[in-house]
PDB file of N, CA and C in Angstrom:
ATOM      1  N   UNK A   1      -6.627   9.350  12.652  1.00  0.00           N
ATOM      2  CA  UNK A   1      -5.930   8.540  11.697  1.00  0.00           C
ATOM      3  C   UNK A   1      -6.217   8.959  10.215  1.00  0.00           C
ATOM      4  N   UNK A   2      -5.257   8.710   9.376  1.00  0.00           N
ATOM      5  CA  UNK A   2      -5.416   9.123   7.970  1.00  0.00           C
ATOM      6  C   UNK A   2      -5.896   7.921   7.189  1.00  0.00           C
ATOM      7  N   UNK A   3      -6.776   8.107   6.188  1.00  0.00           N
ATOM      8  CA  UNK A   3      -7.213   7.087   5.346  1.00  0.00           C
ATOM      9  C   UNK A   3      -6.343   7.124   4.097  1.00  0.00           C
ATOM     10  N   UNK A   4      -5.778   5.996   3.735  1.00  0.00           N
ATOM     11  CA  UNK A   4      -4.945   5.859   2.506  1.00  0.00           C
ATOM     12  C   UNK A   4      -5.681   5.052   1.440  1.00  0.00           C
ATOM     13  N   UNK A   5      -5.212   5.177   0.238  1.00  0.00           N
ATOM     14  CA  UNK A   5      -5.831   4.417  -0.872  1.00  0.00           C
ATOM     15  C   UNK A   5      -4.821   3.959  -1.844  1.00  0.00           C
ATOM     16  N   UNK A   6      -4.873   2.735  -2.297  1.00  0.00           N
ATOM     17  CA  UNK A   6      -4.061   2.230  -3.440  1.00  0.00           C
ATOM     18  C   UNK A   6      -5.051   1.704  -4.479  1.00  0.00           C
ATOM     19  N   UNK A   7      -4.750   1.915  -5.671  1.00  0.00           N
ATOM     20  CA  UNK A   7      -5.619   1.534  -6.806  1.00  0.00           C
ATOM     21  C   UNK A   7      -4.841   0.879  -7.860  1.00  0.00           C
ATOM     22  N   UNK A   8      -5.458  -0.123  -8.487  1.00  0.00           N
ATOM     23  CA  UNK A   8      -4.869  -0.769  -9.642  1.00  0.00           C
ATOM     24  C   UNK A   8      -5.934  -1.023 -10.680  1.00  0.00           C
ATOM     25  N   UNK A   9      -5.631  -0.592 -11.865  1.00  0.00           N
ATOM     26  CA  UNK A   9      -6.531  -0.850 -13.037  1.00  0.00           C
ATOM     27  C   UNK A   9      -5.883  -1.952 -13.887  1.00  0.00           C
ATOM     28  N   UNK A  10      -6.581  -2.998 -14.107  1.00  0.00           N
ATOM     29  CA  UNK A  10      -6.055  -4.127 -14.825  1.00  0.00           C
ATOM     30  C   UNK A  10      -7.088  -4.558 -15.891  1.00  0.00           C
ATOM     31  N   UNK A  11      -6.861  -4.115 -17.114  1.00  0.00           N
ATOM     32  CA  UNK A  11      -7.899  -4.468 -18.139  1.00  0.00           C
ATOM     33  C   UNK A  11      -9.178  -3.739 -17.766  1.00  0.00           C
ATOM     34  N   UNK A  12     -10.233  -4.482 -17.650  1.00  0.00           N
ATOM     35  CA  UNK A  12     -11.533  -3.885 -17.284  1.00  0.00           C
ATOM     36  C   UNK A  12     -11.811  -3.914 -15.810  1.00  0.00           C
ATOM     37  N   UNK A  13     -10.814  -4.511 -15.040  1.00  0.00           N
ATOM     38  CA  UNK A  13     -11.016  -4.609 -13.596  1.00  0.00           C
ATOM     39  C   UNK A  13     -10.339  -3.402 -12.948  1.00  0.00           C
ATOM     40  N   UNK A  14     -10.941  -3.028 -11.828  1.00  0.00           N
ATOM     41  CA  UNK A  14     -10.284  -1.957 -11.034  1.00  0.00           C
ATOM     42  C   UNK A  14     -10.318  -2.467  -9.558  1.00  0.00           C
ATOM     43  N   UNK A  15      -9.123  -2.409  -8.904  1.00  0.00           N
ATOM     44  CA  UNK A  15      -9.010  -2.836  -7.544  1.00  0.00           C
ATOM     45  C   UNK A  15      -8.679  -1.569  -6.763  1.00  0.00           C
ATOM     46  N   UNK A  16      -9.421  -1.273  -5.654  1.00  0.00           N
ATOM     47  CA  UNK A  16      -9.248  -0.137  -4.884  1.00  0.00           C
ATOM     48  C   UNK A  16      -9.154  -0.627  -3.407  1.00  0.00           C
ATOM     49  N   UNK A  17      -8.164  -0.250  -2.712  1.00  0.00           N
ATOM     50  CA  UNK A  17      -7.954  -0.639  -1.334  1.00  0.00           C
ATOM     51  C   UNK A  17      -7.812   0.644  -0.500  1.00  0.00           C
ATOM     52  N   UNK A  18      -8.748   0.789   0.471  1.00  0.00           N
ATOM     53  CA  UNK A  18      -8.650   1.901   1.345  1.00  0.00           C
ATOM     54  C   UNK A  18      -8.412   1.331   2.769  1.00  0.00           C
ATOM     55  N   UNK A  19      -7.485   1.962   3.497  1.00  0.00           N
ATOM     56  CA  UNK A  19      -7.099   1.534   4.814  1.00  0.00           C
ATOM     57  C   UNK A  19      -6.660   2.678   5.696  1.00  0.00           C
ATOM     58  N   UNK A  20      -6.618   2.485   6.908  1.00  0.00           N
ATOM     59  CA  UNK A  20      -6.111   3.521   7.857  1.00  0.00           C
ATOM     60  C   UNK A  20      -4.617   3.323   8.101  1.00  0.00           C
ATOM     61  N   UNK A  21      -3.929   4.345   8.353  1.00  0.00           N
ATOM     62  CA  UNK A  21      -2.510   4.225   8.679  1.00  0.00           C
ATOM     63  C   UNK A  21      -2.370   3.270   9.780  1.00  0.00           C
ATOM     64  N   UNK A  22      -1.349   2.477   9.731  1.00  0.00           N
ATOM     65  CA  UNK A  22      -1.101   1.434  10.775  1.00  0.00           C
ATOM     66  C   UNK A  22      -1.663   0.061  10.407  1.00  0.00           C
ATOM     67  N   UNK A  23      -2.473  -0.013   9.347  1.00  0.00           N
ATOM     68  CA  UNK A  23      -3.190  -1.193   8.942  1.00  0.00           C
ATOM     69  C   UNK A  23      -2.460  -1.860   7.700  1.00  0.00           C
ATOM     70  N   UNK A  24      -1.219  -1.409   7.475  1.00  0.00           N
ATOM     71  CA  UNK A  24      -0.534  -1.879   6.221  1.00  0.00           C
ATOM     72  C   UNK A  24      -0.371  -3.386   6.193  1.00  0.00           C
ATOM     73  N   UNK A  25      -0.037  -4.000   7.308  1.00  0.00           N
ATOM     74  CA  UNK A  25       0.197  -5.436   7.323  1.00  0.00           C
ATOM     75  C   UNK A  25      -1.015  -6.175   6.953  1.00  0.00           C
ATOM     76  N   UNK A  26      -2.208  -5.644   7.442  1.00  0.00           N
ATOM     77  CA  UNK A  26      -3.515  -6.310   7.101  1.00  0.00           C
ATOM     78  C   UNK A  26      -3.760  -6.229   5.613  1.00  0.00           C
ATOM     79  N   UNK A  27      -3.404  -5.133   5.058  1.00  0.00           N
ATOM     80  CA  UNK A  27      -3.628  -4.924   3.616  1.00  0.00           C
ATOM     81  C   UNK A  27      -2.771  -5.811   2.790  1.00  0.00           C
ATOM     82  N   UNK A  28      -1.561  -6.016   3.221  1.00  0.00           N
ATOM     83  CA  UNK A  28      -0.629  -6.908   2.579  1.00  0.00           C
ATOM     84  C   UNK A  28      -1.135  -8.318   2.694  1.00  0.00           C
ATOM     85  N   UNK A  29      -1.680  -8.683   3.803  1.00  0.00           N
ATOM     86  CA  UNK A  29      -2.290 -10.039   3.980  1.00  0.00           C
ATOM     87  C   UNK A  29      -3.438 -10.215   2.956  1.00  0.00           C
ATOM     88  N   UNK A  30      -4.242  -9.145   2.805  1.00  0.00           N
ATOM     89  CA  UNK A  30      -5.291  -9.209   1.883  1.00  0.00           C
ATOM     90  C   UNK A  30      -4.834  -9.410   0.435  1.00  0.00           C
ATOM     91  N   UNK A  31      -3.772  -8.666   0.089  1.00  0.00           N
ATOM     92  CA  UNK A  31      -3.138  -8.872  -1.301  1.00  0.00           C
ATOM     93  C   UNK A  31      -2.748 -10.327  -1.498  1.00  0.00           C
ATOM     94  N   UNK A  32      -2.149 -10.951  -0.429  1.00  0.00           N
ATOM     95  CA  UNK A  32      -1.721 -12.310  -0.552  1.00  0.00           C
ATOM     96  C   UNK A  32      -2.946 -13.235  -0.718  1.00  0.00           C
ATOM     97  N   UNK A  33      -3.941 -13.057   0.074  1.00  0.00           N
ATOM     98  CA  UNK A  33      -5.151 -13.875  -0.022  1.00  0.00           C
ATOM     99  C   UNK A  33      -5.833 -13.794  -1.362  1.00  0.00           C
ATOM    100  N   UNK A  34      -5.843 -12.598  -1.938  1.00  0.00           N
ATOM    101  CA  UNK A  34      -6.452 -12.402  -3.196  1.00  0.00           C
ATOM    102  C   UNK A  34      -5.566 -13.003  -4.294  1.00  0.00           C
ATOM    103  N   UNK A  35      -4.274 -12.859  -4.213  1.00  0.00           N
ATOM    104  CA  UNK A  35      -3.404 -13.409  -5.252  1.00  0.00           C
ATOM    105  C   UNK A  35      -3.414 -14.976  -5.230  1.00  0.00           C
ATOM    106  N   UNK A  36      -3.640 -15.534  -4.081  1.00  0.00           N
ATOM    107  CA  UNK A  36      -3.707 -16.959  -3.967  1.00  0.00           C
ATOM    108  C   UNK A  36      -4.935 -17.629  -4.475  1.00  0.00           C
ATOM    109  N   UNK A  37      -6.002 -16.732  -4.629  1.00  0.00           N
ATOM    110  CA  UNK A  37      -7.310 -17.182  -5.091  1.00  0.00           C
ATOM    111  C   UNK A  37      -7.324 -17.150  -6.630  1.00  0.00           C
ATOM    112  N   UNK A  38      -7.329 -18.321  -7.199  1.00  0.00           N
ATOM    113  CA  UNK A  38      -7.181 -18.362  -8.741  1.00  0.00           C
ATOM    114  C   UNK A  38      -8.465 -17.885  -9.437  1.00  0.00           C
ATOM    115  N   UNK A  39      -9.606 -17.695  -8.641  1.00  0.00           N
ATOM    116  CA  UNK A  39     -10.814 -17.175  -9.185  1.00  0.00           C
ATOM    117  C   UNK A  39     -10.797 -15.659  -9.306  1.00  0.00           C
ATOM    118  N   UNK A  40      -9.811 -15.061  -8.662  1.00  0.00           N
ATOM    119  CA  UNK A  40      -9.680 -13.625  -8.642  1.00  0.00           C
ATOM    120  C   UNK A  40      -8.746 -13.168  -9.748  1.00  0.00           C
ATOM    121  N   UNK A  41      -9.002 -12.070 -10.317  1.00  0.00           N
ATOM    122  CA  UNK A  41      -8.104 -11.528 -11.328  1.00  0.00           C
ATOM    123  C   UNK A  41      -6.857 -10.775 -10.804  1.00  0.00           C
ATOM    124  N   UNK A  42      -6.724 -10.772  -9.517  1.00  0.00           N
ATOM    125  CA  UNK A  42      -5.648 -10.132  -8.852  1.00  0.00           C
ATOM    126  C   UNK A  42      -4.553 -11.220  -8.638  1.00  0.00           C
ATOM    127  N   UNK A  43      -3.361 -11.029  -9.210  1.00  0.00           N
ATOM    128  CA  UNK A  43      -2.318 -12.032  -9.128  1.00  0.00           C
ATOM    129  C   UNK A  43      -1.126 -11.567  -8.229  1.00  0.00           C
ATOM    130  N   UNK A  44      -0.084 -12.415  -8.189  1.00  0.00           N
ATOM    131  CA  UNK A  44       1.073 -12.160  -7.365  1.00  0.00           C
ATOM    132  C   UNK A  44       1.837 -10.871  -7.819  1.00  0.00           C
ATOM    133  N   UNK A  45       1.863 -10.659  -9.111  1.00  0.00           N
ATOM    134  CA  UNK A  45       2.604  -9.485  -9.607  1.00  0.00           C
ATOM    135  C   UNK A  45       1.773  -8.223  -9.149  1.00  0.00           C
ATOM    136  N   UNK A  46       0.465  -8.240  -9.182  1.00  0.00           N
ATOM    137  CA  UNK A  46      -0.310  -7.141  -8.711  1.00  0.00           C
ATOM    138  C   UNK A  46      -0.043  -6.887  -7.271  1.00  0.00           C
ATOM    139  N   UNK A  47       0.027  -7.940  -6.476  1.00  0.00           N
ATOM    140  CA  UNK A  47       0.321  -7.803  -5.066  1.00  0.00           C
ATOM    141  C   UNK A  47       1.639  -7.192  -4.849  1.00  0.00           C
ATOM    142  N   UNK A  48       2.649  -7.574  -5.599  1.00  0.00           N
ATOM    143  CA  UNK A  48       3.999  -7.042  -5.460  1.00  0.00           C
ATOM    144  C   UNK A  48       4.041  -5.551  -5.877  1.00  0.00           C
ATOM    145  N   UNK A  49       3.376  -5.240  -6.937  1.00  0.00           N
ATOM    146  CA  UNK A  49       3.317  -3.775  -7.371  1.00  0.00           C
ATOM    147  C   UNK A  49       2.699  -2.879  -6.285  1.00  0.00           C
ATOM    148  N   UNK A  50       1.522  -3.328  -5.731  1.00  0.00           N
ATOM    149  CA  UNK A  50       0.829  -2.462  -4.741  1.00  0.00           C
ATOM    150  C   UNK A  50       1.621  -2.457  -3.401  1.00  0.00           C
ATOM    151  N   UNK A  51       2.291  -3.541  -3.039  1.00  0.00           N
ATOM    152  CA  UNK A  51       3.129  -3.624  -1.839  1.00  0.00           C
ATOM    153  C   UNK A  51       4.279  -2.671  -1.982  1.00  0.00           C
ATOM    154  N   UNK A  52       4.926  -2.659  -3.162  1.00  0.00           N
ATOM    155  CA  UNK A  52       6.017  -1.718  -3.438  1.00  0.00           C
ATOM    156  C   UNK A  52       5.502  -0.254  -3.311  1.00  0.00           C
ATOM    157  N   UNK A  53       4.382   0.068  -3.897  1.00  0.00           N
ATOM    158  CA  UNK A  53       3.840   1.396  -3.809  1.00  0.00           C
ATOM    159  C   UNK A  53       3.620   1.794  -2.386  1.00  0.00           C
ATOM    160  N   UNK A  54       3.087   0.886  -1.590  1.00  0.00           N
ATOM    161  CA  UNK A  54       2.826   1.166  -0.243  1.00  0.00           C
ATOM    162  C   UNK A  54       4.143   1.438   0.549  1.00  0.00           C
ATOM    163  N   UNK A  55       5.119   0.617   0.263  1.00  0.00           N
ATOM    164  CA  UNK A  55       6.439   0.829   0.859  1.00  0.00           C
ATOM    165  C   UNK A  55       7.122   2.156   0.504  1.00  0.00           C
ATOM    166  N   UNK A  56       6.996   2.500  -0.773  1.00  0.00           N
ATOM    167  CA  UNK A  56       7.525   3.784  -1.149  1.00  0.00           C
ATOM    168  C   UNK A  56       6.826   4.945  -0.486  1.00  0.00           C
ATOM    169  N   UNK A  57       5.508   4.897  -0.348  1.00  0.00           N
ATOM    170  CA  UNK A  57       4.765   5.907   0.378  1.00  0.00           C
ATOM    171  C   UNK A  57       5.221   6.044   1.854  1.00  0.00           C
ATOM    172  N   UNK A  58       5.436   4.866   2.503  1.00  0.00           N
ATOM    173  CA  UNK A  58       5.932   4.892   3.844  1.00  0.00           C
ATOM    174  C   UNK A  58       7.336   5.462   3.960  1.00  0.00           C
ATOM    175  N   UNK A  59       8.170   5.184   2.998  1.00  0.00           N
ATOM    176  CA  UNK A  59       9.546   5.662   3.017  1.00  0.00           C
ATOM    177  C   UNK A  59       9.494   7.151   2.850  1.00  0.00           C
ATOM    178  N   UNK A  60       8.698   7.693   1.996  1.00  0.00           N
ATOM    179  CA  UNK A  60       8.576   9.157   1.737  1.00  0.00           C
ATOM    180  C   UNK A  60       8.124   9.817   3.027  1.00  0.00           C
ATOM    181  N   UNK A  61       7.097   9.249   3.665  1.00  0.00           N
ATOM    182  CA  UNK A  61       6.522   9.858   4.933  1.00  0.00           C
ATOM    183  C   UNK A  61       7.665   9.807   5.980  1.00  0.00           C
ATOM    184  N   UNK A  62       8.371   8.804   6.136  1.00  0.00           N
ATOM    185  CA  UNK A  62       9.444   8.739   7.138  1.00  0.00           C
ATOM    186  C   UNK A  62      10.594   9.785   6.790  1.00  0.00           C
ATOM    187  N   UNK A  63      10.908   9.855   5.559  1.00  0.00           N
ATOM    188  CA  UNK A  63      11.862  10.945   5.198  1.00  0.00           C
ATOM    189  C   UNK A  63      11.396  12.285   5.556  1.00  0.00           C
ATOM    190  N   UNK A  64      10.125  12.602   5.353  1.00  0.00           N
ATOM    191  CA  UNK A  64       9.563  13.861   5.659  1.00  0.00           C
ATOM    192  C   UNK A  64       9.581  14.120   7.167  1.00  0.00           C
ATOM    193  N   UNK A  65       9.231  13.113   7.943  1.00  0.00           N
ATOM    194  CA  UNK A  65       9.316  13.207   9.432  1.00  0.00           C
ATOM    195  C   UNK A  65      10.768  13.492   9.882  1.00  0.00           C
ATOM    196  N   UNK A  66      11.713  12.762   9.298  1.00  0.00           N
ATOM    197  CA  UNK A  66      13.095  12.940   9.684  1.00  0.00           C
ATOM    198  C   UNK A  66      13.592  14.369   9.346  1.00  0.00           C
ATOM    199  N   UNK A  67      13.190  14.829   8.183  1.00  0.00           N
ATOM    200  CA  UNK A  67      13.617  16.129   7.754  1.00  0.00           C
ATOM    201  C   UNK A  67      13.037  17.253   8.669  1.00  0.00           C
ATOM    202  N   UNK A  68      11.711  17.068   9.037  1.00  0.00           N
ATOM    203  CA  UNK A  68      11.065  17.990   9.972  1.00  0.00           C
ATOM    204  C   UNK A  68      11.761  18.015  11.291  1.00  0.00           C
ATOM    205  N   UNK A  69      12.139  16.784  11.768  1.00  0.00           N
ATOM    206  CA  UNK A  69      12.739  16.727  13.071  1.00  0.00           C
ATOM    207  C   UNK A  69      14.153  17.437  13.059  1.00  0.00           C
ATOM    208  N   UNK A  70      14.881  17.205  11.983  1.00  0.00           N
ATOM    209  CA  UNK A  70      16.139  17.887  11.856  1.00  0.00           C
ATOM    210  C   UNK A  70      16.035  19.424  11.762  1.00  0.00           C
ATOM    211  N   UNK A  71      15.000  19.863  11.058  1.00  0.00           N
ATOM    212  CA  UNK A  71      14.772  21.322  10.925  1.00  0.00           C
ATOM    213  C   UNK A  71      14.354  21.963  12.196  1.00  0.00           C
ATOM    214  N   UNK A  72      13.745  21.187  13.126  1.00  0.00           N
ATOM    215  CA  UNK A  72      13.252  21.749  14.357  1.00  0.00           C
ATOM    216  C   UNK A  72      14.051  21.319  15.575  1.00  0.00           C
ATOM    217  N   UNK A  73      15.218  20.797  15.322  1.00  0.00           N
ATOM    218  CA  UNK A  73      16.121  20.428  16.428  1.00  0.00           C
ATOM    219  C   UNK A  73      15.666  19.311  17.318  1.00  0.00           C
ATOM    220  N   UNK A  74      14.952  18.393  16.797  1.00  0.00           N
ATOM    221  CA  UNK A  74      14.460  17.271  17.616  1.00  0.00           C
ATOM    222  C   UNK A  74      15.269  16.103  17.392  1.00  0.00           C
TER     223      UNK A  74
END
């Protein structure tokens, strides 16, 4: 499995999330838990931004797989 990383710098805070492929739903749950915690500097906008970045990465990877399959007659 591949280790992925998402980072967010917000003022003096830095949020770094490392996860294995296939664990995206768990990471999104973590975003939601952190955003719901008012003691945390991570808010719903931050969760949305990182979720969007994760989705774009997955979309790019799927496009690459589809292109590879087309090029190799699969």
